[in-house]
Amino acid sequence: MGRVVGQVRGIAGLIAISLGIGLLARPVSAQDRGAIVLPDVPPIAVPSGQEVRWIDSITDTGGPEGLTLRFRFLAPQIGGPDPIAPDVALEDMAALCESFALPRLPALGPKPAQVVISLSDRVLPFGEADDEAVQYFEAYSVTDGACIWEMF
């Protein structure tokens, strides 16, 4: 999993690099940057215990595998002074796919080829870049009612 600052990449295969970079560079906390916190949206429980809140779901843009549903989450701690490790964030994203995304997939109609879970340390409009933002992305297929990690 990769910690991405100012660009978008898949997480798999970048753990060692991101851990090394994470030890050298410590971004300021989300509150110090004026990050938007979503007070009306309850936090979602994840294995790491970090505070994660649902931002939105994007259903109208395709992906490389076909119909793609994207679930975006605010996770300020991934960019904070004591950031969540990339491998821990990967576990959180898998849990979000299973506990949050799966129950929200359409029961009727076309099934998504891919579910993308993203964590961001701040709320950004979909598709917009921010050089200071920390974001993680992972893709999953859905097989037999379970999220299966796909190389992104």
N, C-alpha and C. Protein backbone atom coordinates (compact mmCIF):
# COMPACT_ATOMS: atom_id res chain seq x y z
N MET A 1 0.84 -1.16 0.00
CA MET A 1 0.00 0.00 0.00
C MET A 1 0.89 1.22 0.00
N GLY A 2 0.52 2.25 -0.69
CA GLY A 2 1.36 3.43 -0.77
C GLY A 2 0.70 4.64 -0.18
N ARG A 3 1.46 5.41 0.50
CA ARG A 3 1.00 6.69 1.00
C ARG A 3 1.25 7.67 -0.12
N VAL A 4 0.22 8.32 -0.58
CA VAL A 4 0.33 9.17 -1.74
C VAL A 4 0.13 10.61 -1.31
N VAL A 5 1.08 11.44 -1.61
CA VAL A 5 0.98 12.86 -1.32
C VAL A 5 0.98 13.59 -2.65
N GLY A 6 -0.15 14.20 -3.00
CA GLY A 6 -0.24 15.00 -4.19
C GLY A 6 -0.42 14.23 -5.49
N GLN A 7 -0.59 12.92 -5.41
CA GLN A 7 -0.84 12.16 -6.61
C GLN A 7 -1.62 10.91 -6.26
N VAL A 8 -2.15 10.24 -7.27
CA VAL A 8 -2.99 9.08 -7.05
C VAL A 8 -2.25 7.84 -7.54
N ARG A 9 -2.14 6.84 -6.66
CA ARG A 9 -1.55 5.56 -7.03
C ARG A 9 -2.23 4.45 -6.26
N GLY A 10 -2.10 3.23 -6.77
CA GLY A 10 -2.58 2.07 -6.03
C GLY A 10 -1.68 1.86 -4.84
N ILE A 11 -2.19 1.18 -3.85
CA ILE A 11 -1.47 1.03 -2.61
C ILE A 11 -0.52 -0.16 -2.62
N ALA A 12 -0.90 -1.24 -3.27
CA ALA A 12 -0.10 -2.46 -3.22
C ALA A 12 1.30 -2.23 -3.77
N GLY A 13 2.28 -2.83 -3.13
CA GLY A 13 3.65 -2.79 -3.61
C GLY A 13 4.44 -1.58 -3.17
N LEU A 14 3.82 -0.65 -2.46
CA LEU A 14 4.53 0.56 -2.08
C LEU A 14 4.73 0.69 -0.57
N ILE A 15 4.48 -0.37 0.18
CA ILE A 15 4.54 -0.28 1.63
C ILE A 15 5.92 0.14 2.11
N ALA A 16 6.96 -0.50 1.65
CA ALA A 16 8.30 -0.19 2.14
C ALA A 16 8.69 1.24 1.81
N ILE A 17 8.39 1.69 0.61
CA ILE A 17 8.72 3.05 0.21
C ILE A 17 7.96 4.05 1.07
N SER A 18 6.67 3.82 1.23
CA SER A 18 5.87 4.78 1.98
C SER A 18 6.24 4.81 3.45
N LEU A 19 6.60 3.67 4.01
CA LEU A 19 7.03 3.67 5.41
C LEU A 19 8.30 4.49 5.58
N GLY A 20 9.23 4.35 4.65
CA GLY A 20 10.47 5.13 4.72
C GLY A 20 10.21 6.61 4.58
N ILE A 21 9.36 6.99 3.64
CA ILE A 21 9.02 8.39 3.46
C ILE A 21 8.27 8.91 4.68
N GLY A 22 7.38 8.10 5.20
CA GLY A 22 6.60 8.51 6.36
C GLY A 22 7.45 8.79 7.58
N LEU A 23 8.57 8.09 7.71
CA LEU A 23 9.46 8.35 8.84
C LEU A 23 10.22 9.66 8.67
N LEU A 24 10.43 10.09 7.44
CA LEU A 24 11.18 11.30 7.17
C LEU A 24 10.31 12.55 7.16
N ALA A 25 9.09 12.44 6.69
CA ALA A 25 8.23 13.61 6.54
C ALA A 25 6.98 13.44 7.36
N ARG A 26 6.72 14.39 8.22
CA ARG A 26 5.53 14.37 9.05
C ARG A 26 4.67 15.57 8.71
N PRO A 27 3.52 15.36 8.03
CA PRO A 27 2.66 16.50 7.72
C PRO A 27 2.00 17.04 8.97
N VAL A 28 1.51 18.26 8.91
CA VAL A 28 0.80 18.84 10.04
C VAL A 28 -0.55 18.17 10.18
N SER A 29 -1.18 18.34 11.34
CA SER A 29 -2.45 17.66 11.59
C SER A 29 -3.55 18.21 10.70
N ALA A 30 -4.61 17.42 10.57
CA ALA A 30 -5.74 17.81 9.71
C ALA A 30 -6.38 19.10 10.22
N GLN A 31 -6.51 19.27 11.55
CA GLN A 31 -7.09 20.49 12.08
C GLN A 31 -6.21 21.70 11.75
N ASP A 32 -4.89 21.54 11.83
CA ASP A 32 -3.98 22.64 11.52
C ASP A 32 -4.10 23.09 10.08
N ARG A 33 -4.47 22.19 9.18
CA ARG A 33 -4.61 22.52 7.76
C ARG A 33 -6.00 23.06 7.44
N GLY A 34 -6.87 23.11 8.43
CA GLY A 34 -8.23 23.58 8.18
C GLY A 34 -9.07 22.55 7.46
N ALA A 35 -8.78 21.27 7.66
CA ALA A 35 -9.53 20.21 6.99
C ALA A 35 -10.99 20.25 7.43
N ILE A 36 -11.85 19.89 6.53
CA ILE A 36 -13.28 19.84 6.83
C ILE A 36 -13.56 18.55 7.59
N VAL A 37 -14.20 18.68 8.72
CA VAL A 37 -14.65 17.52 9.47
C VAL A 37 -16.16 17.45 9.26
N LEU A 38 -16.67 16.26 9.09
CA LEU A 38 -18.08 16.07 8.80
C LEU A 38 -18.83 15.73 10.09
N PRO A 39 -19.22 16.74 10.88
CA PRO A 39 -19.80 16.47 12.20
C PRO A 39 -21.15 15.77 12.16
N ASP A 40 -21.91 15.93 11.08
CA ASP A 40 -23.24 15.31 11.01
C ASP A 40 -23.17 13.87 10.54
N VAL A 41 -21.99 13.41 10.15
CA VAL A 41 -21.82 12.05 9.67
C VAL A 41 -21.14 11.25 10.78
N PRO A 42 -21.79 10.20 11.25
CA PRO A 42 -21.17 9.44 12.35
C PRO A 42 -19.91 8.71 11.90
N PRO A 43 -18.96 8.57 12.81
CA PRO A 43 -17.75 7.80 12.47
C PRO A 43 -18.11 6.34 12.22
N ILE A 44 -17.30 5.70 11.39
CA ILE A 44 -17.49 4.30 11.05
C ILE A 44 -16.37 3.50 11.71
N ALA A 45 -16.72 2.44 12.39
CA ALA A 45 -15.72 1.62 13.07
C ALA A 45 -14.84 0.89 12.06
N VAL A 46 -13.53 0.99 12.25
CA VAL A 46 -12.55 0.27 11.44
C VAL A 46 -11.55 -0.40 12.37
N PRO A 47 -10.85 -1.43 11.90
CA PRO A 47 -9.94 -2.19 12.78
C PRO A 47 -8.89 -1.34 13.49
N SER A 48 -8.38 -0.29 12.85
CA SER A 48 -7.32 0.52 13.47
C SER A 48 -7.83 1.40 14.60
N GLY A 49 -9.12 1.67 14.62
CA GLY A 49 -9.68 2.57 15.61
C GLY A 49 -9.61 4.04 15.21
N GLN A 50 -8.99 4.34 14.05
CA GLN A 50 -8.95 5.73 13.61
C GLN A 50 -10.36 6.21 13.29
N GLU A 51 -10.55 7.52 13.34
CA GLU A 51 -11.87 8.08 13.04
C GLU A 51 -12.02 8.20 11.53
N VAL A 52 -13.00 7.50 10.99
CA VAL A 52 -13.27 7.49 9.55
C VAL A 52 -14.73 7.88 9.36
N ARG A 53 -14.98 8.79 8.42
CA ARG A 53 -16.34 9.21 8.11
C ARG A 53 -16.57 9.12 6.61
N TRP A 54 -17.77 8.71 6.24
CA TRP A 54 -18.15 8.61 4.83
C TRP A 54 -18.30 10.02 4.26
N ILE A 55 -17.67 10.25 3.10
CA ILE A 55 -17.81 11.53 2.39
C ILE A 55 -18.94 11.41 1.37
N ASP A 56 -18.78 10.48 0.42
CA ASP A 56 -19.79 10.29 -0.60
C ASP A 56 -19.51 9.02 -1.38
N SER A 57 -20.42 8.71 -2.28
CA SER A 57 -20.26 7.57 -3.18
C SER A 57 -20.40 8.09 -4.60
N ILE A 58 -19.51 7.65 -5.48
CA ILE A 58 -19.52 8.08 -6.88
C ILE A 58 -19.96 6.87 -7.71
N THR A 59 -21.05 7.03 -8.43
CA THR A 59 -21.59 5.91 -9.20
C THR A 59 -21.67 6.19 -10.69
N ASP A 60 -21.31 7.41 -11.10
CA ASP A 60 -21.53 7.78 -12.49
C ASP A 60 -20.25 7.87 -13.33
N THR A 61 -19.16 7.32 -12.84
CA THR A 61 -17.93 7.30 -13.64
C THR A 61 -17.43 5.86 -13.71
N GLY A 62 -17.13 5.43 -14.92
CA GLY A 62 -16.65 4.07 -15.12
C GLY A 62 -15.21 3.90 -14.67
N GLY A 63 -14.78 2.68 -14.67
CA GLY A 63 -13.40 2.35 -14.35
C GLY A 63 -12.84 1.45 -15.42
N PRO A 64 -11.59 1.03 -15.27
CA PRO A 64 -10.95 0.20 -16.29
C PRO A 64 -11.61 -1.17 -16.44
N GLU A 65 -12.31 -1.64 -15.42
CA GLU A 65 -12.94 -2.95 -15.47
C GLU A 65 -14.42 -2.88 -15.82
N GLY A 66 -14.97 -1.67 -16.03
CA GLY A 66 -16.39 -1.51 -16.31
C GLY A 66 -17.06 -0.71 -15.22
N LEU A 67 -18.30 -1.07 -14.88
CA LEU A 67 -19.05 -0.35 -13.86
C LEU A 67 -18.26 -0.35 -12.55
N THR A 68 -17.98 0.84 -12.04
CA THR A 68 -17.19 1.00 -10.82
C THR A 68 -17.95 1.88 -9.85
N LEU A 69 -18.09 1.41 -8.61
CA LEU A 69 -18.68 2.21 -7.55
C LEU A 69 -17.56 2.63 -6.60
N ARG A 70 -17.49 3.93 -6.34
CA ARG A 70 -16.44 4.47 -5.49
C ARG A 70 -17.04 4.96 -4.18
N PHE A 71 -16.42 4.57 -3.08
CA PHE A 71 -16.84 5.00 -1.76
C PHE A 71 -15.68 5.78 -1.16
N ARG A 72 -15.92 7.07 -0.89
CA ARG A 72 -14.86 7.96 -0.41
C ARG A 72 -15.05 8.26 1.07
N PHE A 73 -13.94 8.20 1.81
CA PHE A 73 -13.98 8.38 3.25
C PHE A 73 -12.95 9.40 3.71
N LEU A 74 -13.32 10.17 4.72
CA LEU A 74 -12.41 11.10 5.37
C LEU A 74 -11.72 10.36 6.51
N ALA A 75 -10.40 10.37 6.50
CA ALA A 75 -9.60 9.72 7.54
C ALA A 75 -8.43 10.65 7.88
N PRO A 76 -8.67 11.71 8.67
CA PRO A 76 -7.63 12.71 8.92
C PRO A 76 -6.33 12.14 9.48
N GLN A 77 -6.39 11.03 10.19
CA GLN A 77 -5.20 10.49 10.83
C GLN A 77 -4.17 9.95 9.83
N ILE A 78 -4.56 9.65 8.60
CA ILE A 78 -3.57 9.14 7.64
C ILE A 78 -2.57 10.23 7.26
N GLY A 79 -2.92 11.49 7.48
CA GLY A 79 -2.01 12.59 7.17
C GLY A 79 -1.60 13.37 8.40
N GLY A 80 -1.95 12.89 9.57
CA GLY A 80 -1.66 13.62 10.80
C GLY A 80 -0.24 13.45 11.28
N PRO A 81 0.06 14.01 12.44
CA PRO A 81 1.42 13.95 12.99
C PRO A 81 1.83 12.53 13.40
N ASP A 82 0.87 11.67 13.69
CA ASP A 82 1.14 10.27 14.02
C ASP A 82 0.31 9.41 13.07
N PRO A 83 0.71 9.37 11.77
CA PRO A 83 -0.15 8.75 10.76
C PRO A 83 -0.30 7.24 10.92
N ILE A 84 -1.45 6.77 10.47
CA ILE A 84 -1.73 5.34 10.41
C ILE A 84 -0.78 4.72 9.38
N ALA A 85 -0.19 3.60 9.70
CA ALA A 85 0.71 2.90 8.76
C ALA A 85 -0.08 2.42 7.55
N PRO A 86 0.56 2.40 6.38
CA PRO A 86 -0.15 1.99 5.16
C PRO A 86 -0.77 0.60 5.24
N ASP A 87 -0.09 -0.36 5.86
CA ASP A 87 -0.67 -1.70 5.95
C ASP A 87 -1.89 -1.72 6.86
N VAL A 88 -1.93 -0.86 7.86
CA VAL A 88 -3.09 -0.75 8.74
C VAL A 88 -4.24 -0.10 7.98
N ALA A 89 -3.94 0.93 7.19
CA ALA A 89 -4.98 1.57 6.37
C ALA A 89 -5.57 0.58 5.37
N LEU A 90 -4.73 -0.31 4.84
CA LEU A 90 -5.21 -1.34 3.91
C LEU A 90 -6.25 -2.23 4.59
N GLU A 91 -5.99 -2.61 5.84
CA GLU A 91 -6.97 -3.41 6.59
C GLU A 91 -8.26 -2.63 6.81
N ASP A 92 -8.13 -1.34 7.10
CA ASP A 92 -9.32 -0.51 7.29
C ASP A 92 -10.14 -0.44 6.00
N MET A 93 -9.47 -0.30 4.85
CA MET A 93 -10.19 -0.22 3.58
C MET A 93 -10.89 -1.53 3.26
N ALA A 94 -10.26 -2.65 3.55
CA ALA A 94 -10.92 -3.95 3.33
C ALA A 94 -12.16 -4.06 4.22
N ALA A 95 -12.05 -3.61 5.46
CA ALA A 95 -13.19 -3.64 6.37
C ALA A 95 -14.31 -2.71 5.89
N LEU A 96 -13.94 -1.54 5.36
CA LEU A 96 -14.95 -0.62 4.82
C LEU A 96 -15.65 -1.22 3.61
N CYS A 97 -14.92 -1.94 2.80
CA CYS A 97 -15.54 -2.60 1.65
C CYS A 97 -16.58 -3.62 2.13
N GLU A 98 -16.18 -4.44 3.10
CA GLU A 98 -17.08 -5.49 3.61
C GLU A 98 -18.27 -4.92 4.37
N SER A 99 -18.01 -3.99 5.31
CA SER A 99 -19.07 -3.55 6.22
C SER A 99 -19.88 -2.36 5.72
N PHE A 100 -19.28 -1.52 4.87
CA PHE A 100 -19.98 -0.32 4.41
C PHE A 100 -20.43 -0.45 2.96
N ALA A 101 -19.51 -0.80 2.07
CA ALA A 101 -19.84 -0.81 0.63
C ALA A 101 -20.76 -1.96 0.25
N LEU A 102 -20.44 -3.18 0.66
CA LEU A 102 -21.25 -4.34 0.25
C LEU A 102 -22.74 -4.17 0.53
N PRO A 103 -23.13 -3.74 1.74
CA PRO A 103 -24.56 -3.59 1.99
C PRO A 103 -25.22 -2.51 1.14
N ARG A 104 -24.44 -1.65 0.52
CA ARG A 104 -24.99 -0.56 -0.28
C ARG A 104 -24.95 -0.82 -1.78
N LEU A 105 -24.50 -1.99 -2.18
CA LEU A 105 -24.49 -2.33 -3.60
C LEU A 105 -25.91 -2.61 -4.06
N PRO A 106 -26.22 -2.28 -5.30
CA PRO A 106 -27.59 -2.49 -5.78
C PRO A 106 -27.98 -3.96 -5.79
N ALA A 107 -29.20 -4.22 -5.33
CA ALA A 107 -29.71 -5.59 -5.34
C ALA A 107 -30.21 -5.98 -6.73
N LEU A 108 -30.70 -4.98 -7.46
CA LEU A 108 -31.21 -5.20 -8.81
C LEU A 108 -30.38 -4.40 -9.80
N GLY A 109 -30.40 -4.83 -11.04
CA GLY A 109 -29.67 -4.09 -12.07
C GLY A 109 -28.24 -4.57 -12.20
N PRO A 110 -27.45 -3.81 -12.96
CA PRO A 110 -26.08 -4.25 -13.21
C PRO A 110 -25.24 -4.25 -11.93
N LYS A 111 -24.44 -5.28 -11.82
CA LYS A 111 -23.53 -5.40 -10.67
C LYS A 111 -22.22 -4.72 -11.02
N PRO A 112 -21.59 -4.04 -10.06
CA PRO A 112 -20.32 -3.38 -10.36
C PRO A 112 -19.21 -4.40 -10.61
N ALA A 113 -18.36 -4.07 -11.56
CA ALA A 113 -17.18 -4.90 -11.81
C ALA A 113 -16.13 -4.62 -10.74
N GLN A 114 -16.19 -3.43 -10.17
CA GLN A 114 -15.18 -3.04 -9.20
C GLN A 114 -15.78 -2.08 -8.17
N VAL A 115 -15.30 -2.21 -6.94
CA VAL A 115 -15.60 -1.27 -5.86
C VAL A 115 -14.27 -0.64 -5.48
N VAL A 116 -14.22 0.68 -5.45
CA VAL A 116 -13.01 1.38 -5.05
C VAL A 116 -13.27 2.06 -3.72
N ILE A 117 -12.39 1.82 -2.77
CA ILE A 117 -12.46 2.45 -1.46
C ILE A 117 -11.30 3.44 -1.39
N SER A 118 -11.60 4.67 -0.99
CA SER A 118 -10.52 5.65 -0.84
C SER A 118 -10.59 6.31 0.53
N LEU A 119 -9.41 6.56 1.08
CA LEU A 119 -9.27 7.31 2.32
C LEU A 119 -8.52 8.58 1.97
N SER A 120 -8.93 9.70 2.54
CA SER A 120 -8.27 10.97 2.32
C SER A 120 -8.18 11.71 3.64
N ASP A 121 -7.08 12.43 3.84
CA ASP A 121 -6.93 13.17 5.09
C ASP A 121 -7.73 14.48 5.08
N ARG A 122 -8.34 14.81 3.95
CA ARG A 122 -9.17 16.01 3.84
C ARG A 122 -10.22 15.77 2.76
N VAL A 123 -11.28 16.55 2.81
CA VAL A 123 -12.34 16.43 1.81
C VAL A 123 -11.90 17.18 0.56
N LEU A 124 -11.88 16.47 -0.55
CA LEU A 124 -11.54 17.05 -1.85
C LEU A 124 -12.66 16.74 -2.83
N PRO A 125 -12.95 17.65 -3.75
CA PRO A 125 -13.91 17.30 -4.80
C PRO A 125 -13.37 16.12 -5.61
N PHE A 126 -14.26 15.24 -6.03
CA PHE A 126 -13.85 14.06 -6.77
C PHE A 126 -13.08 14.45 -8.02
N GLY A 127 -11.93 13.83 -8.21
CA GLY A 127 -11.11 14.06 -9.39
C GLY A 127 -10.16 15.24 -9.30
N GLU A 128 -10.22 16.02 -8.23
CA GLU A 128 -9.33 17.17 -8.09
C GLU A 128 -8.10 16.79 -7.27
N ALA A 129 -6.96 17.34 -7.67
CA ALA A 129 -5.70 17.05 -6.98
C ALA A 129 -5.39 18.16 -5.98
N ASP A 130 -4.67 17.79 -4.96
CA ASP A 130 -4.17 18.73 -3.96
C ASP A 130 -2.78 18.22 -3.57
N ASP A 131 -1.76 19.01 -3.82
CA ASP A 131 -0.38 18.57 -3.58
C ASP A 131 -0.10 18.21 -2.13
N GLU A 132 -0.90 18.69 -1.21
CA GLU A 132 -0.67 18.40 0.20
C GLU A 132 -1.56 17.30 0.75
N ALA A 133 -2.50 16.83 -0.05
CA ALA A 133 -3.44 15.80 0.41
C ALA A 133 -2.75 14.44 0.48
N VAL A 134 -3.14 13.67 1.47
CA VAL A 134 -2.70 12.27 1.59
C VAL A 134 -3.93 11.42 1.30
N GLN A 135 -3.80 10.54 0.30
CA GLN A 135 -4.92 9.70 -0.09
C GLN A 135 -4.45 8.28 -0.33
N TYR A 136 -5.29 7.31 0.03
CA TYR A 136 -5.05 5.90 -0.26
C TYR A 136 -6.24 5.41 -1.07
N PHE A 137 -5.96 4.55 -2.05
CA PHE A 137 -7.01 3.97 -2.89
C PHE A 137 -6.77 2.47 -3.01
N GLU A 138 -7.84 1.69 -2.97
CA GLU A 138 -7.76 0.26 -3.26
C GLU A 138 -9.01 -0.16 -4.00
N ALA A 139 -8.85 -1.15 -4.86
CA ALA A 139 -9.96 -1.66 -5.67
C ALA A 139 -10.26 -3.11 -5.27
N TYR A 140 -11.55 -3.44 -5.33
CA TYR A 140 -12.02 -4.78 -4.97
C TYR A 140 -13.04 -5.25 -6.00
N SER A 141 -13.03 -6.53 -6.28
CA SER A 141 -14.14 -7.13 -7.01
C SER A 141 -15.04 -7.75 -5.96
N VAL A 142 -16.27 -8.05 -6.34
CA VAL A 142 -17.20 -8.67 -5.42
C VAL A 142 -17.52 -10.06 -5.95
N THR A 143 -17.17 -11.07 -5.15
CA THR A 143 -17.39 -12.46 -5.53
C THR A 143 -18.04 -13.18 -4.35
N ASP A 144 -19.16 -13.83 -4.63
CA ASP A 144 -19.89 -14.58 -3.59
C ASP A 144 -20.14 -13.73 -2.35
N GLY A 145 -20.49 -12.47 -2.55
CA GLY A 145 -20.84 -11.60 -1.45
C GLY A 145 -19.67 -11.13 -0.61
N ALA A 146 -18.46 -11.22 -1.13
CA ALA A 146 -17.27 -10.78 -0.39
C ALA A 146 -16.40 -9.87 -1.27
N CYS A 147 -15.70 -8.95 -0.62
CA CYS A 147 -14.77 -8.07 -1.33
C CYS A 147 -13.44 -8.81 -1.53
N ILE A 148 -12.99 -8.85 -2.77
CA ILE A 148 -11.74 -9.50 -3.13
C ILE A 148 -10.79 -8.42 -3.62
N TRP A 149 -9.65 -8.26 -2.95
CA TRP A 149 -8.69 -7.23 -3.31
C TRP A 149 -8.18 -7.45 -4.71
N GLU A 150 -8.13 -6.38 -5.48
CA GLU A 150 -7.62 -6.40 -6.85
C GLU A 150 -6.38 -5.51 -6.91
N MET A 151 -5.38 -5.90 -7.69
CA MET A 151 -4.24 -5.02 -7.84
C MET A 151 -4.70 -3.78 -8.59
N PHE A 152 -4.46 -2.63 -8.01
CA PHE A 152 -4.96 -1.36 -8.56
C PHE A 152 -3.94 -0.76 -9.47
